[in-house]
Protein backbone atom coordinates (compact mmCIF):
# COMPACT_ATOMS: atom_id res chain seq x y z
CA UNK A 1 0.10 -0.08 -0.01
CA UNK A 2 1.40 3.35 -0.73
CA UNK A 3 1.99 6.03 1.66
CA UNK A 4 -0.67 8.60 0.10
CA UNK A 5 -3.37 5.66 0.25
CA UNK A 6 -2.48 4.68 3.72
CA UNK A 7 -2.93 8.06 4.97
CA UNK A 8 -6.44 8.30 3.03
CA UNK A 9 -7.28 5.23 4.80
CA UNK A 10 -6.33 5.69 8.24
CA UNK A 11 -7.49 9.28 8.01
CA UNK A 12 -4.16 10.80 9.34
CA UNK A 13 -2.90 13.43 7.49
CA UNK A 14 0.20 16.10 7.68
CA UNK A 15 -2.77 18.76 7.93
CA UNK A 16 -4.56 17.21 10.72
CA UNK A 17 -1.44 16.48 12.56
CA UNK A 18 -0.16 20.16 12.25
CA UNK A 19 -3.88 21.85 13.38
CA UNK A 20 -3.71 19.23 16.32
CA UNK A 21 -0.40 20.16 17.56
CA UNK A 22 -1.19 24.10 16.98
CA UNK A 23 -4.21 23.49 19.28
CA UNK A 24 -2.30 21.72 21.97
CA UNK A 25 0.37 24.88 21.88
CA UNK A 26 -2.49 27.20 22.37
CA UNK A 27 -4.19 25.25 25.11
CA UNK A 28 -0.83 25.04 26.92
CA UNK A 29 -0.48 28.96 26.45
CA UNK A 30 -4.11 29.38 27.49
CA UNK A 31 -3.52 27.28 30.35
CA UNK A 32 -0.31 29.04 31.48
CA UNK A 33 -1.72 32.37 31.15
CA UNK A 34 -4.96 31.62 33.34
CA UNK A 35 -3.19 29.83 36.44
CA UNK A 36 -5.10 32.21 38.69
CA UNK A 37 -8.23 30.82 40.51
CA UNK A 38 -11.49 31.12 38.79
CA UNK A 39 -14.69 31.06 40.58
CA UNK A 40 -17.73 29.23 39.00
CA UNK A 41 -21.26 29.95 40.30
CA UNK A 42 -23.85 27.27 39.38
CA UNK A 43 -26.96 26.72 40.87
CA UNK A 44 -25.93 28.17 44.19
CA UNK A 45 -22.95 26.21 44.24
CA UNK A 46 -19.47 28.16 44.06
CA UNK A 47 -16.37 26.19 43.03
CA UNK A 48 -12.86 28.02 42.79
CA UNK A 49 -10.50 26.47 40.98
CA UNK A 50 -7.35 27.44 38.58
CA UNK A 51 -8.38 28.12 35.01
CA UNK A 52 -6.22 25.22 33.69
CA UNK A 53 -8.25 22.92 35.49
CA UNK A 54 -11.47 24.56 34.00
CA UNK A 55 -10.01 24.10 30.76
CA UNK A 56 -9.44 20.60 31.28
CA UNK A 57 -12.59 19.97 32.60
CA UNK A 58 -14.23 21.63 29.36
CA UNK A 59 -12.40 19.61 27.05
CA UNK A 60 -13.02 16.52 28.76
CA UNK A 61 -16.57 17.34 28.52
CA UNK A 62 -16.43 18.22 25.07
CA UNK A 63 -14.63 14.92 24.41
CA UNK A 64 -17.51 13.15 26.20
CA UNK A 65 -20.41 14.83 24.44
CA UNK A 66 -18.61 14.44 20.91
CA UNK A 67 -18.31 10.80 21.44
CA UNK A 68 -21.86 10.13 23.03
CA UNK A 69 -23.54 12.35 20.21
CA UNK A 70 -21.68 11.94 16.67
CA UNK A 71 -24.37 13.73 14.79
CA UNK A 72 -21.96 15.97 12.84
CA UNK A 73 -19.46 13.34 11.87
CA UNK A 74 -19.52 12.29 8.34
CA UNK A 75 -20.76 8.72 7.18
CA UNK A 76 -18.11 6.40 7.07
CA UNK A 77 -17.35 5.15 3.73
CA UNK A 78 -16.65 1.43 3.19
């Protein structure tokens, strides 16, 4: 199997990897710049945590929601 055919079949390409690396770098920069404590008021409950913990929590929630509700994924070709 050629390299380009392997890339198409596995879904990994240089563009996707580059975008993923850029997003990781931006997330790390955001986490470092937002290391101060942030308070969340939700239904009368106050939670005070560093900004980077909120970032990780929201990324995890987004990952779980995306896994549970794959409505916007393209149909897989066989």
